[in-house]
Amino acid sequence: MQQKTLDRRLELLKLEGNGIMKPEVVEQLSQKYEVSNDTVWRDYRTRKYWQPILEEMVEALHAIKNRHEQLYRKASLTYMQAENTPQKIASINLMRQINRDYYEFCYPSGADEPEEPIDGYILEWNYHKTKDSNDKLQTP
């Protein structure tokens, strides 16, 4: 499934969930994604085939998000309970790597940064590279 198709179908479900009538949804999505009205109506007709796939994808994203949060909490707890500096440094590095991995998951490399992370997920800390390539941890 192409990214534009995926985005269009996700928005279709969102708009419909917000109570917008089908003809209005069709009109909005056809203009926004520059497709014909028939394409959006076809999305409605074939919904029973693609909606379960999207739901499985969302469940997988939730599982990944939860796992990252678990790992981050464990690293944070290890940091707070560390008795010496090397343990604290190792915990901080692990938290940074977890955030970097999650950031790369939310914002796939090679593409411009989307307006929103995948499925709206962000962590407490996001890893960002500044323009001069210095690595910094910044709060959102």
C-alpha atoms as a PDB file:
ATOM      1  CA  MET A   1       0.000   0.000   0.000  1.00  0.00           C
ATOM      2  CA  GLN A   2       1.462   3.369  -0.984  1.00  0.00           C
ATOM      3  CA  GLN A   3       1.905   6.099   1.605  1.00  0.00           C
ATOM      4  CA  LYS A   4      -0.644   8.439  -0.016  1.00  0.00           C
ATOM      5  CA  THR A   5      -3.235   5.658  -0.114  1.00  0.00           C
ATOM      6  CA  LEU A   6      -2.522   4.780   3.499  1.00  0.00           C
ATOM      7  CA  ASP A   7      -2.814   8.410   4.592  1.00  0.00           C
ATOM      8  CA  ARG A   8      -6.031   8.887   2.634  1.00  0.00           C
ATOM      9  CA  ARG A   9      -7.632   5.781   4.129  1.00  0.00           C
ATOM     10  CA  LEU A  10      -6.573   6.661   7.655  1.00  0.00           C
ATOM     11  CA  GLU A  11      -8.037  10.117   7.232  1.00  0.00           C
ATOM     12  CA  LEU A  12     -11.215   8.603   5.778  1.00  0.00           C
ATOM     13  CA  LEU A  13     -11.672   6.578   8.968  1.00  0.00           C
ATOM     14  CA  LYS A  14     -10.874   9.598  11.128  1.00  0.00           C
ATOM     15  CA  LEU A  15     -13.344  11.883   9.364  1.00  0.00           C
ATOM     16  CA  GLU A  16     -16.040   9.248   9.392  1.00  0.00           C
ATOM     17  CA  GLY A  17     -15.395   8.679  13.103  1.00  0.00           C
ATOM     18  CA  ASN A  18     -15.874  12.410  13.650  1.00  0.00           C
ATOM     19  CA  GLY A  19     -19.382  12.123  12.206  1.00  0.00           C
ATOM     20  CA  ILE A  20     -18.792  13.749   8.828  1.00  0.00           C
ATOM     21  CA  MET A  21     -21.144  12.479   6.129  1.00  0.00           C
ATOM     22  CA  LYS A  22     -19.737  10.300   3.351  1.00  0.00           C
ATOM     23  CA  PRO A  23     -20.277  12.786   0.494  1.00  0.00           C
ATOM     24  CA  GLU A  24     -18.413  15.463   2.442  1.00  0.00           C
ATOM     25  CA  VAL A  25     -15.591  13.052   3.233  1.00  0.00           C
ATOM     26  CA  VAL A  26     -15.333  12.078  -0.429  1.00  0.00           C
ATOM     27  CA  GLU A  27     -15.183  15.714  -1.495  1.00  0.00           C
ATOM     28  CA  GLN A  28     -12.570  16.681   1.107  1.00  0.00           C
ATOM     29  CA  LEU A  29     -10.294  13.712   0.480  1.00  0.00           C
ATOM     30  CA  SER A  30     -10.506  13.895  -3.301  1.00  0.00           C
ATOM     31  CA  GLN A  31      -9.403  17.537  -3.174  1.00  0.00           C
ATOM     32  CA  LYS A  32      -6.741  17.048  -0.519  1.00  0.00           C
ATOM     33  CA  TYR A  33      -5.114  13.990  -2.132  1.00  0.00           C
ATOM     34  CA  GLU A  34      -5.811  15.076  -5.716  1.00  0.00           C
ATOM     35  CA  VAL A  35      -7.704  11.929  -6.659  1.00  0.00           C
ATOM     36  CA  SER A  36     -11.078  11.431  -8.260  1.00  0.00           C
ATOM     37  CA  ASN A  37     -14.232  11.045  -6.212  1.00  0.00           C
ATOM     38  CA  ASP A  38     -14.486   7.502  -7.576  1.00  0.00           C
ATOM     39  CA  THR A  39     -11.179   6.617  -5.900  1.00  0.00           C
ATOM     40  CA  VAL A  40     -12.479   7.627  -2.488  1.00  0.00           C
ATOM     41  CA  TRP A  41     -15.797   5.855  -3.098  1.00  0.00           C
ATOM     42  CA  ARG A  42     -13.783   2.747  -4.057  1.00  0.00           C
ATOM     43  CA  ASP A  43     -12.017   3.054  -0.686  1.00  0.00           C
ATOM     44  CA  TYR A  44     -15.436   2.884   0.965  1.00  0.00           C
ATOM     45  CA  ARG A  45     -16.479  -0.150  -1.109  1.00  0.00           C
ATOM     46  CA  THR A  46     -13.243  -2.084  -0.460  1.00  0.00           C
ATOM     47  CA  ARG A  47     -13.036  -1.101   3.188  1.00  0.00           C
ATOM     48  CA  LYS A  48     -13.710  -4.624   4.457  1.00  0.00           C
ATOM     49  CA  TYR A  49     -10.419  -5.704   2.873  1.00  0.00           C
ATOM     50  CA  TRP A  50      -8.047  -2.901   3.887  1.00  0.00           C
ATOM     51  CA  GLN A  51      -9.419  -1.810   7.265  1.00  0.00           C
ATOM     52  CA  PRO A  52      -8.329  -4.992   9.127  1.00  0.00           C
ATOM     53  CA  ILE A  53      -4.816  -4.531   7.730  1.00  0.00           C
ATOM     54  CA  LEU A  54      -4.702  -0.949   9.007  1.00  0.00           C
ATOM     55  CA  GLU A  55      -5.953  -2.031  12.411  1.00  0.00           C
ATOM     56  CA  GLU A  56      -3.186  -4.645  12.613  1.00  0.00           C
ATOM     57  CA  MET A  57      -0.632  -1.976  11.717  1.00  0.00           C
ATOM     58  CA  VAL A  58      -1.922   0.322  14.460  1.00  0.00           C
ATOM     59  CA  GLU A  59      -1.758  -2.526  16.983  1.00  0.00           C
ATOM     60  CA  ALA A  60       1.838  -3.207  15.940  1.00  0.00           C
ATOM     61  CA  LEU A  61       2.691   0.477  16.379  1.00  0.00           C
ATOM     62  CA  HIS A  62       1.168   0.420  19.861  1.00  0.00           C
ATOM     63  CA  ALA A  63       3.239  -2.657  20.759  1.00  0.00           C
ATOM     64  CA  ILE A  64       6.448  -1.002  19.539  1.00  0.00           C
ATOM     65  CA  LYS A  65       5.644   2.204  21.398  1.00  0.00           C
ATOM     66  CA  ASN A  66       4.919   0.300  24.601  1.00  0.00           C
ATOM     67  CA  ARG A  67       8.173  -1.662  24.320  1.00  0.00           C
ATOM     68  CA  HIS A  68      10.209   1.519  23.858  1.00  0.00           C
ATOM     69  CA  GLU A  69       8.502   3.076  26.868  1.00  0.00           C
ATOM     70  CA  GLN A  70       9.216  -0.031  28.974  1.00  0.00           C
ATOM     71  CA  LEU A  71      12.881   0.013  28.007  1.00  0.00           C
ATOM     72  CA  TYR A  72      13.130   3.724  28.703  1.00  0.00           C
ATOM     73  CA  ARG A  73      11.517   3.343  32.144  1.00  0.00           C
ATOM     74  CA  LYS A  74      13.907   0.500  33.029  1.00  0.00           C
ATOM     75  CA  ALA A  75      16.933   2.528  31.930  1.00  0.00           C
ATOM     76  CA  SER A  76      15.640   5.539  33.879  1.00  0.00           C
ATOM     77  CA  LEU A  77      15.130   3.431  36.992  1.00  0.00           C
ATOM     78  CA  THR A  78      18.633   1.991  36.619  1.00  0.00           C
ATOM     79  CA  TYR A  79      19.986   5.535  36.380  1.00  0.00           C
ATOM     80  CA  MET A  80      18.196   6.618  39.559  1.00  0.00           C
ATOM     81  CA  GLN A  81      19.358   3.526  41.467  1.00  0.00           C
ATOM     82  CA  ALA A  82      22.946   3.582  40.156  1.00  0.00           C
ATOM     83  CA  GLU A  83      25.557   3.799  42.847  1.00  0.00           C
ATOM     84  CA  ASN A  84      28.495   4.922  40.725  1.00  0.00           C
ATOM     85  CA  THR A  85      29.225   7.195  37.796  1.00  0.00           C
ATOM     86  CA  PRO A  86      29.897   4.512  35.138  1.00  0.00           C
ATOM     87  CA  GLN A  87      26.470   2.966  35.788  1.00  0.00           C
ATOM     88  CA  LYS A  88      24.812   6.374  35.489  1.00  0.00           C
ATOM     89  CA  ILE A  89      26.646   7.125  32.249  1.00  0.00           C
ATOM     90  CA  ALA A  90      25.686   3.734  30.822  1.00  0.00           C
ATOM     91  CA  SER A  91      22.035   4.342  31.759  1.00  0.00           C
ATOM     92  CA  ILE A  92      22.020   7.787  30.172  1.00  0.00           C
ATOM     93  CA  ASN A  93      23.576   6.400  26.998  1.00  0.00           C
ATOM     94  CA  LEU A  94      20.969   3.643  26.906  1.00  0.00           C
ATOM     95  CA  MET A  95      18.129   6.163  27.338  1.00  0.00           C
ATOM     96  CA  ARG A  96      19.630   8.260  24.554  1.00  0.00           C
ATOM     97  CA  GLN A  97      19.894   5.244  22.244  1.00  0.00           C
ATOM     98  CA  ILE A  98      16.303   4.221  22.995  1.00  0.00           C
ATOM     99  CA  ASN A  99      15.123   7.721  22.113  1.00  0.00           C
ATOM    100  CA  ARG A 100      17.247   7.774  18.959  1.00  0.00           C
ATOM    101  CA  ASP A 101      15.835   4.434  17.829  1.00  0.00           C
ATOM    102  CA  TYR A 102      12.295   5.550  18.543  1.00  0.00           C
ATOM    103  CA  TYR A 103      12.817   8.865  16.777  1.00  0.00           C
ATOM    104  CA  GLU A 104      14.168   7.064  13.709  1.00  0.00           C
ATOM    105  CA  PHE A 105      11.144   4.779  13.838  1.00  0.00           C
ATOM    106  CA  CYS A 106       8.745   7.727  13.962  1.00  0.00           C
ATOM    107  CA  TYR A 107      10.640   9.744  11.351  1.00  0.00           C
ATOM    108  CA  PRO A 108      12.062   7.266   8.818  1.00  0.00           C
ATOM    109  CA  SER A 109      15.409   8.322   7.375  1.00  0.00           C
ATOM    110  CA  GLY A 110      15.663   9.579   3.839  1.00  0.00           C
ATOM    111  CA  ALA A 111      12.366  11.423   4.061  1.00  0.00           C
ATOM    112  CA  ASP A 112      11.557  14.905   5.193  1.00  0.00           C
ATOM    113  CA  GLU A 113      10.369  15.077   8.753  1.00  0.00           C
ATOM    114  CA  PRO A 114       6.569  14.677   8.723  1.00  0.00           C
ATOM    115  CA  GLU A 115       4.369  17.180  10.477  1.00  0.00           C
ATOM    116  CA  GLU A 116       3.427  14.518  13.022  1.00  0.00           C
ATOM    117  CA  PRO A 117       5.246  11.417  14.185  1.00  0.00           C
ATOM    118  CA  ILE A 118       3.851   8.098  13.067  1.00  0.00           C
ATOM    119  CA  ASP A 119       0.459   7.582  14.693  1.00  0.00           C
ATOM    120  CA  GLY A 120       1.062  10.696  16.821  1.00  0.00           C
ATOM    121  CA  TYR A 121       3.623   9.060  19.117  1.00  0.00           C
ATOM    122  CA  ILE A 122       6.377  10.975  20.859  1.00  0.00           C
ATOM    123  CA  LEU A 123       8.534  10.105  23.839  1.00  0.00           C
ATOM    124  CA  GLU A 124       9.260  12.235  26.848  1.00  0.00           C
ATOM    125  CA  TRP A 125      12.607  13.156  25.239  1.00  0.00           C
ATOM    126  CA  ASN A 126      13.264  13.312  21.508  1.00  0.00           C
ATOM    127  CA  TYR A 127      16.669  12.984  19.989  1.00  0.00           C
ATOM    128  CA  HIS A 128      17.409  15.829  17.580  1.00  0.00           C
ATOM    129  CA  LYS A 129      20.446  16.684  15.507  1.00  0.00           C
ATOM    130  CA  THR A 130      21.149  20.379  15.310  1.00  0.00           C
ATOM    131  CA  LYS A 131      22.182  22.035  12.070  1.00  0.00           C
ATOM    132  CA  ASP A 132      25.859  22.015  13.039  1.00  0.00           C
ATOM    133  CA  SER A 133      25.670  18.210  13.628  1.00  0.00           C
ATOM    134  CA  ASN A 134      26.124  18.405  17.407  1.00  0.00           C
ATOM    135  CA  ASP A 135      24.028  15.781  19.165  1.00  0.00           C
ATOM    136  CA  LYS A 136      21.777  17.160  21.881  1.00  0.00           C
ATOM    137  CA  LEU A 137      18.897  15.896  23.935  1.00  0.00           C
ATOM    138  CA  GLN A 138      16.081  18.390  23.973  1.00  0.00           C
ATOM    139  CA  THR A 139      12.677  18.360  25.552  1.00  0.00           C
ATOM    140  CA  PRO A 140       9.799  18.663  23.078  1.00  0.00           C
END
